[in-house]
Protein backbone atom coordinates (compact mmCIF):
# COMPACT_ATOMS: atom_id res chain seq x y z
CA MET A 1 -3.83 -21.56 -4.92
CA GLY A 2 -4.58 -23.73 -8.17
CA VAL A 3 -1.50 -24.79 -10.21
CA ASP A 4 -0.37 -22.40 -13.27
CA LYS A 5 0.03 -24.81 -16.48
CA ARG A 6 0.51 -22.22 -18.81
CA PRO A 7 4.01 -22.65 -20.48
CA ARG A 8 7.32 -21.31 -19.83
CA SER A 9 10.04 -20.45 -21.44
CA SER A 10 13.16 -21.93 -20.02
CA ASP A 11 14.01 -18.87 -18.11
CA ASP A 12 10.59 -18.95 -16.98
CA GLU A 13 9.85 -15.57 -18.84
CA ILE A 14 6.52 -14.93 -20.17
CA ASP A 15 6.30 -12.84 -23.00
CA GLY A 16 2.88 -11.22 -23.59
CA SER A 17 3.35 -9.29 -25.86
CA SER A 18 3.69 -12.45 -27.65
CA ARG A 19 0.11 -13.51 -27.10
CA GLN A 20 -0.69 -12.33 -30.41
CA GLN A 21 -3.97 -10.63 -28.43
CA LYS A 22 -5.68 -7.31 -29.98
CA ARG A 23 -5.82 -4.62 -27.73
CA PRO A 24 -8.92 -4.95 -25.66
CA HIS A 25 -12.08 -2.81 -25.20
CA VAL A 26 -11.73 -1.52 -21.43
CA THR A 27 -14.47 0.55 -20.88
CA SER A 28 -14.07 1.38 -16.70
CA VAL A 29 -11.61 1.68 -14.82
CA GLY A 30 -11.06 1.62 -10.77
CA PHE A 31 -8.59 3.00 -8.36
CA ILE A 32 -8.26 2.40 -4.62
CA GLY A 33 -5.63 4.86 -3.79
CA SER A 34 -4.36 7.91 -5.75
CA GLY A 35 -0.94 8.36 -5.47
CA MET A 36 1.47 9.99 -7.38
CA MET A 37 2.00 6.14 -9.38
CA ALA A 38 -2.07 5.62 -9.56
CA THR A 39 -3.01 9.83 -10.76
CA ALA A 40 0.43 8.83 -13.70
CA ILE A 41 -1.89 5.35 -14.73
CA MET A 42 -4.99 7.80 -15.28
CA ASP A 43 -3.23 9.99 -17.05
CA ALA A 44 -1.74 8.04 -19.33
CA LEU A 45 -5.42 6.14 -19.78
CA VAL A 46 -6.79 8.75 -21.23
CA GLU A 47 -3.58 10.22 -22.56
CA LYS A 48 -3.13 7.65 -24.64
CA GLY A 49 -7.24 6.96 -25.53
CA ILE A 50 -7.88 4.13 -23.70
CA VAL A 51 -10.46 4.96 -21.98
CA LYS A 52 -12.06 8.65 -21.01
CA SER A 53 -12.00 10.75 -18.25
CA GLU A 54 -15.25 10.16 -16.78
CA SER A 55 -15.02 6.01 -17.09
CA ILE A 56 -12.21 6.48 -14.33
CA ALA A 57 -13.41 6.20 -10.41
CA CYS A 58 -10.55 6.49 -7.70
CA SER A 59 -10.76 7.18 -4.28
CA ASP A 60 -8.72 8.46 -0.94
CA VAL A 61 -8.14 9.40 2.17
CA TRP A 62 -7.06 12.69 0.79
CA GLU A 63 -9.53 15.08 -0.27
CA ALA A 64 -6.63 17.81 -1.89
CA VAL A 65 -5.95 14.53 -4.02
CA LEU A 66 -9.19 13.91 -4.67
CA GLY A 67 -10.15 17.75 -5.68
CA LYS A 68 -7.00 17.26 -8.31
CA ALA A 69 -8.44 14.70 -9.75
CA ARG A 70 -12.16 15.85 -10.47
CA GLY A 71 -10.50 18.50 -11.69
CA LYS A 72 -9.23 15.93 -14.56
CA GLY A 73 -12.67 14.68 -15.47
CA TYR A 74 -11.98 11.64 -12.79
CA PHE A 75 -14.81 10.51 -10.44
CA ALA A 76 -13.15 10.66 -7.52
CA THR A 77 -15.00 9.80 -3.73
CA LEU A 78 -13.55 9.29 -0.22
CA SER A 79 -15.84 5.15 -0.75
CA ASN A 80 -13.91 2.58 -2.09
CA HIS A 81 -17.40 0.83 -2.64
CA GLU A 82 -17.83 4.11 -5.11
CA VAL A 83 -15.17 3.24 -6.83
CA CYS A 84 -16.00 -0.56 -7.09
CA GLU A 85 -19.60 0.07 -7.85
CA ARG A 86 -18.86 2.25 -11.39
CA ALA A 87 -15.14 0.00 -12.31
CA ARG A 88 -16.88 -2.75 -14.56
CA ASP A 89 -13.50 -3.90 -16.00
CA VAL A 90 -10.54 -3.44 -13.75
CA ILE A 91 -10.11 -2.62 -10.37
CA ILE A 92 -6.68 -1.39 -9.46
CA ILE A 93 -5.26 -1.72 -5.57
CA ALA A 94 -2.99 1.22 -5.33
CA VAL A 95 -2.21 1.50 -1.38
CA LYS A 96 0.23 0.44 1.40
CA PRO A 97 0.45 -3.17 1.63
CA ASN A 98 -1.07 -2.54 5.14
CA VAL A 99 -4.25 -1.58 3.92
CA VAL A 100 -5.09 -4.39 0.89
CA GLN A 101 -6.55 -6.01 3.52
CA ASP A 102 -9.75 -3.80 4.09
CA ALA A 103 -9.49 -2.75 0.31
CA CYS A 104 -10.45 -6.28 -0.23
CA ASN A 105 -13.34 -6.63 2.14
CA ASP A 106 -14.44 -3.72 0.03
CA ILE A 107 -14.61 -5.07 -3.22
CA MET A 108 -15.71 -8.23 -2.28
CA GLN A 109 -18.57 -6.45 -0.60
CA VAL A 110 -19.50 -4.73 -4.06
CA GLN A 111 -21.78 -7.22 -6.67
CA GLU A 112 -21.31 -4.54 -9.25
CA SER A 113 -17.84 -5.57 -9.57
CA SER A 114 -17.55 -9.11 -9.19
CA ASP A 115 -16.71 -9.54 -13.23
CA ALA A 116 -13.57 -6.61 -12.69
CA LEU A 117 -10.11 -7.57 -13.05
CA ILE A 118 -8.12 -7.05 -10.22
CA ILE A 119 -4.25 -5.97 -10.76
CA SER A 120 -2.57 -5.37 -7.14
CA VAL A 121 0.72 -3.09 -7.18
CA ALA A 122 1.14 -3.08 -3.37
CA ALA A 123 4.76 -3.90 -2.60
CA GLY A 124 5.17 -7.28 -1.37
CA VAL A 125 1.26 -8.93 -1.56
CA THR A 126 1.71 -12.09 -2.96
CA LEU A 127 -0.59 -13.99 -5.18
CA ALA A 128 -1.99 -16.30 -2.81
CA THR A 129 -2.18 -13.22 0.06
CA LEU A 130 -5.01 -11.44 -2.74
CA GLU A 131 -6.46 -14.80 -3.95
CA GLN A 132 -7.43 -15.76 0.09
CA LEU A 133 -8.68 -12.02 0.47
CA LEU A 134 -10.52 -12.34 -2.79
CA PRO A 135 -11.53 -15.46 -3.71
CA GLY A 136 -12.77 -16.31 -6.61
CA ARG A 137 -11.38 -13.38 -8.52
CA ARG A 138 -9.21 -13.38 -11.40
CA VAL A 139 -6.30 -10.91 -9.71
CA VAL A 140 -3.00 -9.92 -11.04
CA ARG A 141 0.51 -8.90 -9.34
CA LEU A 142 2.47 -5.88 -10.68
CA MET A 143 5.54 -4.40 -9.84
CA PRO A 144 6.00 -1.05 -11.83
CA ASN A 145 8.00 2.07 -10.83
CA THR A 146 8.52 5.99 -10.01
CA CYS A 147 8.99 6.30 -13.87
CA CYS A 148 5.62 5.67 -15.03
CA VAL A 149 5.21 9.63 -14.05
CA VAL A 150 7.02 10.41 -17.63
CA GLY A 151 5.90 7.74 -19.45
CA GLU A 152 8.83 5.35 -18.65
CA ALA A 153 7.82 2.55 -16.23
CA ALA A 154 9.55 -0.71 -16.04
CA SER A 155 6.57 -3.28 -14.80
CA GLY A 156 7.05 -6.56 -14.15
CA TYR A 157 3.35 -8.79 -13.68
CA ALA A 158 2.21 -12.29 -12.34
CA LEU A 159 -1.20 -13.75 -13.66
CA GLY A 160 -3.69 -15.50 -10.77
CA ALA A 161 -4.61 -18.61 -10.94
CA LEU A 162 -7.97 -17.72 -12.47
CA ALA A 163 -6.12 -15.20 -15.05
CA ASN A 164 -6.73 -15.35 -18.46
CA ASN A 165 -5.08 -14.56 -21.91
CA GLN A 166 -7.57 -11.80 -22.26
CA ASP A 167 -6.65 -10.23 -19.28
CA CYS A 168 -3.07 -10.37 -19.67
CA ALA A 169 -3.92 -8.59 -22.55
CA ILE A 170 -5.74 -5.41 -20.26
CA VAL A 171 -3.06 -6.20 -18.34
CA GLN A 172 -0.30 -5.33 -21.05
CA THR A 173 -2.44 -2.17 -22.44
CA ILE A 174 -3.40 -0.36 -18.93
CA PHE A 175 0.25 -0.77 -18.32
CA GLY A 176 2.01 -0.81 -21.83
CA SER A 177 0.51 3.23 -21.62
CA CYS A 178 2.96 4.37 -19.23
CA GLY A 179 6.26 2.02 -19.96
CA LEU A 180 7.23 -1.74 -20.41
CA VAL A 181 5.71 -4.43 -18.98
CA ARG A 182 6.69 -7.87 -18.31
CA GLU A 183 4.87 -10.67 -17.83
CA LEU A 184 7.02 -12.87 -15.93
CA SER A 185 6.39 -16.44 -13.31
CA GLU A 186 5.87 -14.65 -9.26
CA PHE A 187 8.88 -15.88 -7.72
CA LEU A 188 10.95 -13.60 -9.88
CA LEU A 189 9.26 -10.22 -8.65
CA ASN A 190 10.45 -9.47 -5.87
CA ALA A 191 13.93 -9.44 -8.33
CA VAL A 192 11.91 -7.13 -9.78
CA THR A 193 11.14 -4.93 -6.79
CA GLY A 194 15.02 -4.94 -6.39
CA LEU A 195 16.06 -4.52 -10.60
CA SER A 196 13.30 -1.71 -11.63
CA GLY A 197 11.10 -0.60 -8.62
CA SER A 198 14.25 0.80 -6.83
CA GLY A 199 16.58 0.89 -9.75
CA PRO A 200 15.20 4.77 -10.42
CA ALA A 201 17.41 5.54 -7.09
CA PHE A 202 20.33 3.68 -8.40
CA VAL A 203 20.59 5.66 -11.27
CA PHE A 204 19.66 9.08 -10.14
CA GLU A 205 22.78 8.42 -7.77
CA PHE A 206 24.48 7.43 -10.94
CA ILE A 207 23.81 10.14 -12.04
CA GLU A 208 24.50 12.07 -9.64
CA ALA A 209 28.28 10.83 -9.04
CA MET A 210 28.67 11.91 -13.14
CA ALA A 211 28.00 14.74 -12.38
CA ASP A 212 30.09 15.51 -9.51
CA GLY A 213 32.04 14.27 -12.05
CA GLY A 214 32.07 17.06 -14.65
CA VAL A 215 31.69 19.94 -11.84
CA ARG A 216 35.30 18.97 -10.11
CA CYS A 217 36.87 19.41 -13.77
CA GLY A 218 35.17 22.57 -14.56
CA LEU A 219 31.76 22.68 -15.91
CA PRO A 220 28.34 24.91 -13.75
CA ARG A 221 26.16 22.05 -11.95
CA GLY A 222 22.72 22.47 -13.98
CA GLU A 223 25.32 21.92 -17.02
CA ALA A 224 26.60 18.56 -15.42
CA ILE A 225 23.57 17.33 -14.53
CA MET A 226 21.49 18.04 -17.65
CA LEU A 227 24.82 15.74 -19.50
CA ALA A 228 25.25 13.07 -17.38
CA ALA A 229 20.98 12.28 -17.65
CA GLN A 230 21.06 13.09 -21.04
CA THR A 231 24.15 10.48 -21.41
CA VAL A 232 21.77 7.89 -18.92
CA LYS A 233 18.85 8.57 -21.50
CA GLY A 234 20.83 7.96 -24.27
CA ALA A 235 22.83 4.84 -23.35
CA ALA A 236 19.29 3.10 -22.21
CA GLU A 237 17.89 3.90 -25.96
CA MET A 238 20.67 2.35 -27.44
CA VAL A 239 19.94 -0.64 -25.77
CA LEU A 240 16.89 -0.94 -25.89
CA THR A 241 16.82 -0.56 -29.74
CA GLN A 242 19.42 -1.58 -30.89
CA LYS A 243 19.18 -4.91 -29.25
CA VAL A 244 22.74 -5.31 -28.19
CA HIS A 245 24.47 -6.85 -24.92
CA PRO A 246 25.65 -3.88 -23.06
CA ALA A 247 29.28 -5.00 -22.86
CA GLU A 248 29.46 -4.97 -26.77
CA LEU A 249 27.82 -1.25 -26.55
CA LYS A 250 30.70 -0.13 -24.10
CA ASP A 251 33.44 -1.66 -25.91
CA ARG A 252 32.33 0.13 -29.15
CA VAL A 253 33.47 2.94 -27.14
CA THR A 254 36.50 2.04 -25.48
CA SER A 255 39.47 2.79 -28.34
CA PRO A 256 42.76 1.08 -27.12
CA GLY A 257 44.38 3.08 -24.54
CA GLY A 258 42.10 5.84 -24.24
CA THR A 259 40.14 8.14 -21.52
CA THR A 260 36.88 5.75 -21.86
CA ILE A 261 39.01 2.60 -21.19
CA ALA A 262 41.36 4.77 -18.26
CA GLY A 263 37.64 5.34 -16.40
CA CYS A 264 36.24 1.90 -16.62
CA ASP A 265 39.35 0.42 -15.04
CA GLU A 266 38.58 2.93 -12.44
CA LEU A 267 35.05 1.94 -12.12
CA GLU A 268 36.15 -1.92 -12.30
CA LYS A 269 38.30 -1.21 -8.96
CA GLY A 270 35.09 0.31 -6.98
């Protein structure tokens, strides 16, 4: 794999939004794999007006999944080859890691897709593997998370050796349609998997625990869950919009000798 000579900041994070790229014109996108996450991305692309429904092609092994996709106006097929023939701009590999090699073989067999950017969202499949399976192709490795189904994904990605600034803009456009997306050095993507990939499950546990505390104090279960979830949502929005360290935000809430600092003390005890 070629050496990536693009400049890096001191913490090895690249702000893709700083490239000053205009939104690229994407005319056709293909999905190999049409599961929940892929479907959420398709829907976001259409909802945000990035592509028309008839410009999306997708494949899957389940006819029921394809039927739902056809109902939305997408071209849906059992054949990966047919997806590659239609997707001239971008092909997204959205299958389990053990099926990636077969998907790449199908891509390489279709001449019509030879100029398409290939984006893999298969967990743990490295750029080196992708570039070995897709020689001469522009590839991107990306890790989204389940929150893309509500348009609030937290995704990290790394560009392959042949990918360029225009490809970066394409990734930002497609995955920015369903949440936050950040370009990173590839070695950090395993951390992304643990943080934002697995993170929603940790947050769900936290919301459940907060709700349990509310129920213990007499709140009805449904009300406790809604209050806990909204509290997490509001606190997250404050971190994202106020650009203040979480510790400072915490200090603003913790009055001396109050109930909040007492609760924080218990949390820190584990």
